[in-house]
Each structure stands twice: as C-alpha cells, then as structure tokens.
Protein backbone atom coordinates (compact mmCIF):
# COMPACT_ATOMS: atom_id res chain seq x y z
CA MET A 1 31.94 118.32 -43.18
CA GLN A 2 32.72 119.68 -46.45
CA PRO A 3 30.03 118.34 -48.78
CA LEU A 4 31.36 119.83 -52.06
CA ARG A 5 34.71 118.45 -51.48
CA GLY A 6 33.22 114.98 -50.70
CA ILE A 7 31.18 115.14 -54.02
CA ALA A 8 34.29 115.88 -55.94
CA PHE A 9 36.30 112.96 -54.43
CA LYS A 10 33.35 110.64 -55.10
CA LEU A 11 33.32 111.91 -58.78
CA ILE A 12 37.11 111.33 -59.06
CA ALA A 13 36.80 107.96 -57.57
CA VAL A 14 34.04 106.97 -60.15
CA MET A 15 36.14 108.10 -63.02
CA CYS A 16 39.13 106.07 -61.73
CA PHE A 17 36.96 103.08 -61.55
CA ILE A 18 35.46 103.57 -65.12
CA THR A 19 39.08 104.10 -66.35
CA MET A 20 40.17 100.78 -64.62
CA GLN A 21 37.32 99.04 -66.26
CA SER A 22 38.12 100.58 -69.65
CA LEU A 23 41.79 99.51 -69.48
CA VAL A 24 40.58 95.90 -68.47
CA LYS A 25 38.13 95.91 -71.50
CA ALA A 26 40.90 97.12 -73.69
CA VAL A 27 43.19 93.95 -73.07
CA SER A 28 40.25 91.67 -72.51
CA THR A 29 40.23 89.93 -75.70
CA ASP A 30 43.83 88.48 -75.04
CA VAL A 31 44.19 88.67 -71.23
CA PRO A 32 42.23 86.24 -69.17
CA ALA A 33 40.10 87.75 -66.44
CA GLY A 34 41.94 86.12 -63.58
CA GLU A 35 45.15 87.55 -64.73
CA SER A 36 43.56 91.09 -64.89
CA VAL A 37 42.25 90.76 -61.40
CA PHE A 38 45.96 89.90 -60.27
CA PHE A 39 47.34 92.97 -61.75
CA ARG A 40 44.38 95.17 -60.58
CA SER A 41 45.05 94.00 -57.00
CA LEU A 42 48.80 93.62 -56.79
CA PHE A 43 49.36 97.26 -58.23
CA ALA A 44 46.74 98.63 -56.10
CA LEU A 45 48.76 97.81 -52.99
CA PRO A 46 51.73 100.18 -53.15
CA VAL A 47 49.13 103.00 -53.69
CA ILE A 48 46.97 101.95 -50.57
CA ILE A 49 50.11 101.17 -48.39
CA ALA A 50 51.38 104.75 -49.08
CA TRP A 51 48.01 106.21 -48.36
CA LEU A 52 47.83 104.36 -45.05
CA ALA A 53 51.24 105.27 -44.16
CA LEU A 54 50.57 109.09 -44.88
CA ARG A 55 47.41 108.78 -42.77
CA GLY A 56 49.15 107.16 -39.87
CA ASP A 57 46.76 104.13 -40.39
CA LEU A 58 49.30 101.57 -41.60
CA ARG A 59 49.47 99.67 -38.06
CA THR A 60 45.64 99.64 -38.08
CA GLY A 61 45.48 98.52 -41.68
CA LEU A 62 47.61 95.32 -40.75
CA ARG A 63 45.66 94.48 -37.73
CA VAL A 64 42.72 92.11 -38.08
CA ALA A 65 40.34 90.78 -35.18
CA ARG A 66 38.44 87.83 -37.36
CA PRO A 67 41.05 86.64 -40.21
CA MET A 68 38.64 84.17 -41.70
CA ASP A 69 36.15 86.91 -42.29
CA HIS A 70 38.93 88.72 -44.54
CA VAL A 71 39.40 85.15 -46.32
CA TRP A 72 35.85 84.95 -47.07
CA ARG A 73 35.14 88.38 -47.92
CA GLY A 74 38.21 88.10 -50.31
CA PHE A 75 36.95 84.98 -52.04
CA ILE A 76 33.51 86.33 -52.66
CA GLY A 77 34.92 89.69 -53.71
CA THR A 78 37.51 88.22 -56.05
CA CYS A 79 34.71 86.09 -57.70
CA ALA A 80 32.73 89.23 -58.30
CA MET A 81 35.62 91.16 -59.79
CA GLY A 82 36.62 88.29 -61.98
CA ALA A 83 33.11 87.82 -63.19
CA MET A 84 32.86 91.55 -64.02
CA PHE A 85 36.22 91.57 -65.83
CA ALA A 86 35.10 88.61 -67.66
CA GLY A 87 31.99 90.19 -68.92
CA LEU A 88 33.85 93.27 -70.15
CA ALA A 89 35.02 91.05 -73.16
CA PHE A 90 31.79 90.19 -74.55
CA LEU A 91 29.47 93.33 -73.40
CA PRO A 92 29.64 97.04 -74.16
CA LEU A 93 31.11 98.97 -71.23
CA PRO A 94 27.69 100.88 -70.57
CA GLU A 95 25.73 97.57 -70.47
CA VAL A 96 28.08 95.93 -67.84
CA THR A 97 28.07 99.20 -65.80
CA ALA A 98 24.07 99.08 -66.03
CA LEU A 99 24.02 95.54 -64.79
CA THR A 100 26.44 96.20 -61.82
CA TYR A 101 23.83 98.48 -60.66
CA ALA A 102 21.85 95.47 -59.51
CA MET A 103 24.13 95.18 -56.52
CA PRO A 104 22.61 97.63 -54.24
CA LEU A 105 19.18 96.05 -54.99
CA LEU A 106 20.46 92.64 -54.26
CA VAL A 107 22.02 94.03 -51.07
CA VAL A 108 18.58 94.87 -49.75
CA ILE A 109 17.27 91.29 -50.47
CA PHE A 110 20.38 89.59 -48.91
CA ALA A 111 20.21 92.14 -45.73
CA ALA A 112 16.66 90.80 -45.07
CA MET A 113 17.78 87.22 -45.63
CA PHE A 114 21.22 87.07 -43.86
CA LEU A 115 21.15 90.13 -41.43
CA ASN A 116 17.45 90.05 -40.50
CA GLU A 117 17.03 93.68 -41.54
CA SER A 118 13.56 94.83 -41.80
CA VAL A 119 12.50 95.76 -45.34
CA GLY A 120 9.29 97.82 -45.80
CA ILE A 121 7.07 98.06 -48.56
CA PHE A 122 8.71 101.10 -49.97
CA ARG A 123 12.18 99.56 -50.36
CA ILE A 124 10.46 96.37 -51.54
CA GLY A 125 8.82 98.46 -54.31
CA ALA A 126 12.15 100.09 -55.28
CA VAL A 127 13.72 96.62 -55.62
CA VAL A 128 10.94 95.17 -57.97
CA LEU A 129 11.39 98.61 -60.15
CA GLY A 130 15.21 98.00 -60.41
CA LEU A 131 15.02 94.34 -61.09
CA THR A 132 12.50 95.09 -63.86
CA GLY A 133 15.06 97.26 -65.19
CA VAL A 134 17.70 94.51 -65.09
CA LEU A 135 15.29 92.15 -67.04
CA ILE A 136 14.92 94.93 -69.52
CA VAL A 137 18.74 95.26 -70.17
CA LEU A 138 19.08 91.51 -70.00
CA ALA A 139 16.14 90.57 -72.41
CA PRO A 140 17.83 91.10 -75.70
CA ARG A 141 20.86 88.96 -74.61
CA VAL A 142 18.73 86.06 -72.93
CA THR A 143 16.81 85.81 -76.09
CA SER A 144 20.13 85.32 -78.00
CA PHE A 145 20.49 81.67 -76.77
CA GLY A 146 20.38 79.47 -79.69
CA GLY A 147 21.64 82.10 -82.21
CA ASP A 148 25.06 82.61 -83.68
CA THR A 149 28.27 82.19 -81.66
CA VAL A 150 28.68 85.99 -81.12
CA LYS A 151 25.17 86.26 -79.76
CA MET A 152 25.66 83.13 -77.59
CA MET A 153 28.83 84.62 -76.05
CA GLU A 154 27.02 88.04 -75.22
CA ALA A 155 24.30 86.08 -73.58
CA VAL A 156 26.84 84.06 -71.51
CA GLY A 157 28.61 87.40 -70.78
CA ALA A 158 25.49 88.93 -69.45
CA LEU A 159 24.90 86.05 -67.29
CA ILE A 160 28.45 86.19 -65.90
CA VAL A 161 28.12 89.77 -64.95
CA LEU A 162 24.83 89.34 -63.51
CA LEU A 163 26.54 86.39 -61.40
CA GLY A 164 29.30 89.00 -60.45
CA ALA A 165 26.69 91.32 -59.28
CA VAL A 166 25.20 88.65 -56.95
CA CYS A 167 28.79 87.90 -55.61
CA GLY A 168 29.32 91.74 -55.19
CA ALA A 169 26.06 92.09 -53.27
CA LEU A 170 27.06 89.14 -50.90
CA ALA A 171 30.53 90.71 -50.40
CA GLN A 172 28.82 93.85 -49.18
CA ILE A 173 26.87 91.79 -46.73
CA PHE A 174 30.24 90.51 -45.39
CA ILE A 175 31.62 94.05 -44.98
CA ARG A 176 28.37 95.39 -43.17
CA LYS A 177 29.25 92.62 -40.58
CA MET A 178 32.92 93.16 -40.65
CA VAL A 179 32.83 96.92 -39.86
CA GLN A 180 31.57 95.84 -36.44
CA THR A 181 34.92 94.29 -35.72
CA GLU A 182 37.35 95.55 -38.18
CA GLU A 183 38.80 98.79 -39.36
CA VAL A 184 38.06 100.09 -42.66
CA SER A 185 41.55 100.35 -43.53
CA ALA A 186 42.18 96.75 -42.57
CA ILE A 187 39.14 95.79 -44.82
CA VAL A 188 40.65 97.66 -47.81
CA PHE A 189 44.32 96.37 -47.34
CA TRP A 190 43.68 92.76 -46.85
CA PHE A 191 41.12 92.58 -49.72
CA SER A 192 43.85 93.59 -52.21
CA CYS A 193 46.26 91.08 -50.43
CA THR A 194 43.70 88.17 -50.65
CA SER A 195 42.53 88.95 -54.06
CA THR A 196 46.01 89.13 -55.33
CA GLY A 197 46.59 85.49 -53.84
CA MET A 198 43.37 84.09 -55.01
CA ALA A 199 43.81 85.53 -58.58
CA LEU A 200 47.09 83.23 -58.76
CA LEU A 201 45.14 80.19 -58.63
CA THR A 202 43.49 80.99 -62.03
CA VAL A 203 47.14 80.68 -63.61
CA PRO A 204 46.51 77.00 -64.83
CA PHE A 205 43.39 78.28 -66.69
CA GLY A 206 45.55 79.98 -69.26
CA TRP A 207 47.47 83.16 -68.30
CA VAL A 208 49.50 84.65 -71.26
CA VAL A 209 52.61 86.98 -71.37
CA PRO A 210 51.22 90.35 -72.09
CA THR A 211 52.83 92.64 -74.74
CA PRO A 212 54.62 95.75 -73.30
CA ALA A 213 51.43 97.82 -74.13
CA GLN A 214 49.28 95.58 -72.55
CA ALA A 215 51.58 95.20 -69.38
CA VAL A 216 51.30 99.10 -68.97
CA MET A 217 47.45 98.99 -69.08
CA LEU A 218 47.53 96.07 -66.69
CA VAL A 219 49.78 98.03 -64.22
CA LEU A 220 47.62 101.03 -64.66
CA THR A 221 44.44 99.15 -63.64
CA GLY A 222 45.93 98.63 -60.20
CA LEU A 223 47.35 102.03 -59.69
CA VAL A 224 44.17 103.79 -61.07
CA GLY A 225 41.95 101.43 -58.99
CA GLY A 226 43.97 102.02 -55.88
CA LEU A 227 43.67 105.71 -56.41
CA GLY A 228 39.88 105.35 -56.88
CA GLN A 229 39.78 103.26 -53.62
CA ILE A 230 41.55 106.41 -51.80
CA PHE A 231 39.17 108.80 -53.28
CA LEU A 232 36.25 106.71 -52.59
CA THR A 233 36.93 106.23 -48.84
CA SER A 234 38.11 110.09 -48.51
CA SER A 235 34.83 111.24 -49.99
CA TYR A 236 32.99 109.78 -46.88
CA ARG A 237 35.01 111.72 -44.57
CA PHE A 238 33.85 115.00 -46.01
CA ALA A 239 30.32 114.40 -46.58
CA ASP A 240 27.46 111.91 -45.32
CA ALA A 241 26.99 108.74 -47.31
CA SER A 242 23.47 109.47 -48.24
CA LEU A 243 24.66 112.70 -50.00
CA VAL A 244 27.81 111.17 -52.00
CA ALA A 245 26.25 107.68 -52.76
CA PRO A 246 24.00 108.72 -55.45
CA PHE A 247 26.85 109.99 -57.63
CA ASP A 248 27.78 106.40 -58.02
CA TYR A 249 25.50 106.66 -61.11
CA ALA A 250 27.78 109.13 -62.82
CA SER A 251 29.51 106.13 -63.91
CA MET A 252 26.85 105.53 -66.41
CA LEU A 253 27.51 109.07 -68.16
CA PHE A 254 31.35 108.24 -68.11
CA ALA A 255 30.72 104.59 -69.39
CA ILE A 256 28.68 105.90 -72.28
CA LEU A 257 31.25 108.60 -73.40
CA ILE A 258 34.21 106.23 -73.13
CA GLY A 259 32.29 103.34 -74.75
CA TYR A 260 31.30 105.53 -77.76
CA PHE A 261 34.48 107.40 -78.17
CA VAL A 262 37.01 104.68 -77.38
CA PHE A 263 35.37 101.32 -78.03
CA ALA A 264 32.70 102.73 -80.77
CA GLU A 265 30.02 101.30 -78.70
CA VAL A 266 26.53 102.87 -78.95
CA PRO A 267 23.94 102.14 -76.34
CA THR A 268 20.56 100.94 -77.43
CA SER A 269 17.32 102.57 -76.19
CA GLN A 270 16.31 99.57 -74.49
CA MET A 271 19.50 99.44 -72.49
CA LEU A 272 19.27 102.92 -71.53
CA LEU A 273 15.58 102.56 -70.39
CA GLY A 274 16.57 99.49 -68.13
CA ALA A 275 19.60 101.38 -66.72
CA ALA A 276 17.40 104.36 -66.01
CA LEU A 277 14.76 102.19 -64.00
CA ILE A 278 17.70 100.80 -62.09
CA ILE A 279 19.26 104.21 -61.25
CA ILE A 280 15.93 105.50 -60.09
CA ALA A 281 15.27 102.39 -57.88
CA GLY A 282 18.83 102.71 -56.45
CA ILE A 283 18.42 106.46 -55.44
CA ILE A 284 15.00 105.57 -53.97
CA ILE A 285 16.56 103.07 -51.73
CA ILE A 286 19.51 105.45 -50.84
CA LEU A 287 16.98 108.11 -49.92
CA ARG A 288 14.73 105.80 -47.97
CA GLU A 289 17.68 104.60 -45.86
CA ARG A 290 18.60 108.02 -45.13
CA GLN A 291 14.95 108.75 -43.88
CA LEU A 292 15.17 105.52 -41.84
CA GLY A 293 18.41 106.47 -40.37
CA ILE A 294 20.31 103.31 -41.52
CA ARG A 295 23.90 104.37 -41.77
CA ARG A 296 26.26 102.60 -44.17
CA GLU A 297 29.32 104.85 -44.10
CA LYS A 298 31.90 102.29 -43.09
CA ALA A 299 30.54 99.55 -45.43
CA ARG A 300 30.62 102.18 -48.27
CA GLN A 301 34.20 103.07 -47.44
CA ALA A 302 35.26 99.61 -47.55
CA LYS A 303 33.52 98.79 -50.84
CA THR A 304 35.54 98.44 -54.22
CA PRO A 305 33.74 98.67 -57.57
CA TYR A 306 33.17 95.28 -57.70
CA ASN A 307 33.67 94.20 -54.09
C-alpha cells in the first residue's frame, strides 16, 4: 500500500470530475444535457480503452457474465448523469455539488431496502443529519415555486439534481451486486458504451450543432472524465477505500473556487451550512463502515461521478 499516492490520485480524480462538470456547465445554456452525456461518454472510451490495454485488462474489460446487469446499470447511471448535467444549467456549481452528496446517504437507505443490509442506529442518525442538510440546501429553491420564471427554473433544477442523486444511489446499489460477478474494468468500460448509446435516444429532443469552442469543451468533458475515472480506480489500488473516500468532499472546495472565479457564483451561508451537515454525515458513514468491516473497494472503483 502507498497511502499518500492513493490520496494524491483521488484528489486528481476529484479535480478532473469538477473540471468536467465545469465544462458541461459552460455549454449548458446552449447544449442539451443528453448531448453532453453523449460527448462525455463517447470521448471517455478511447482513454479507458488505452488504460485497460496498458494494464493488460482489455480482454477482461470486454468480458461480461450478466449482460442485462450492465444494461440496467447503464440506464440508471445515464439517467443520473443526464439529470445532474441538466441541473448545472440552472444552479450554481457548488450547490449542485452539495446536492450530489446526498447519494451516499441514499445508498445506505437503498442498501437496507434492496440488499437486506443491516443498518444500525449510528448510521441511521448520520443519514438523518445528512438529509437535514439536503433540506437546508433545497429550502430556498423549493419555496421559489410560484415566483418569477428564473426562480421557478432554479427550483425545477434543484429537484432534477435531487432526482439524479436518487438514480446515482440506485446505480451504486447495482454496482455492489455486479462486483460479485463482474470485473471492475468491465463495469467501467461497458457503462461508457451503454451511456453513449442511450444518450443518442435524446436526439429527437433537440440536439444542436455546437460551435467550434463548444465542440472542444464537449470533447474535453469525455477526455477529462475518462482520466478522472482512471485516477479514481487507481487510487483504490494504493490505499484503502476508507482512507481515500473522504477526499471526495474536496470537490466542494474546488467547486466553490471554480464557481467564484469562472462563473461569478457566490455560495450562500445557508447552502454552506447544509453542505457542511451533508459532508459530516457522509464522513460518519464512511468511518462507521470501516469500523464494521464493510468493504466497498470494488464498488467505489467502478463508480463514476454521477454513476
């Protein structure tokens, strides 16, 4: 184990994913979310294929034991990604980031519902704390219903992002089951393939011809997202999941900095308070799972930022 290297790789992965989201946000006023999902998935494939080839895992990455599991995981994951990308058009980057932190909280709930995992009072308390933070973040948006058009769209955007978090949590439940029969490399590779194909189904809903600058940014979403996936998976090869997982929350710092300097977004104190509660809850859950000996390395390796 090389823990410092694992942490460094995780931070690089987080920065790649925030950069990817920033690129999506930069084109989101003109480019539909489904089109962004297509570019992100398609141009991640060459990076992932090259990485698998260099590791000697290309054959493993193409082999599947249960094809329909990949189809359903791809469908749910594509919905999650599309919802998150759609939300970036209406909400500040730090706020979208904060709402995505609801995913690990929802995973605890869904794991108890669908995987029959035992959830003690300690983790239930953490989930309640985290969901309280989510409500604090959502409150200004939800109360905007009935206001002007801009506030209405922001409220809709917040609910779309929350729906994306639900889909992302369900996708993670799929992954937890899939790692029992499927290799991580196969899950990563086939998700990019299925999400590329499924994104094409959104063409009738209004794709546009991007400008040269937009096309460059869209291609970069895939390349940067693919690199992020590689560094994410590699981080778990050099350090325990329980050590590197909390560094997911460094994305809030990056989101605030990019939001402020690139998009002139200033987070509200209420949003920061809600995000802080969600982060504390997420870290409590991670530490508790470590104490209980619940190992999630393979599932986390196969995870994408929005699943």
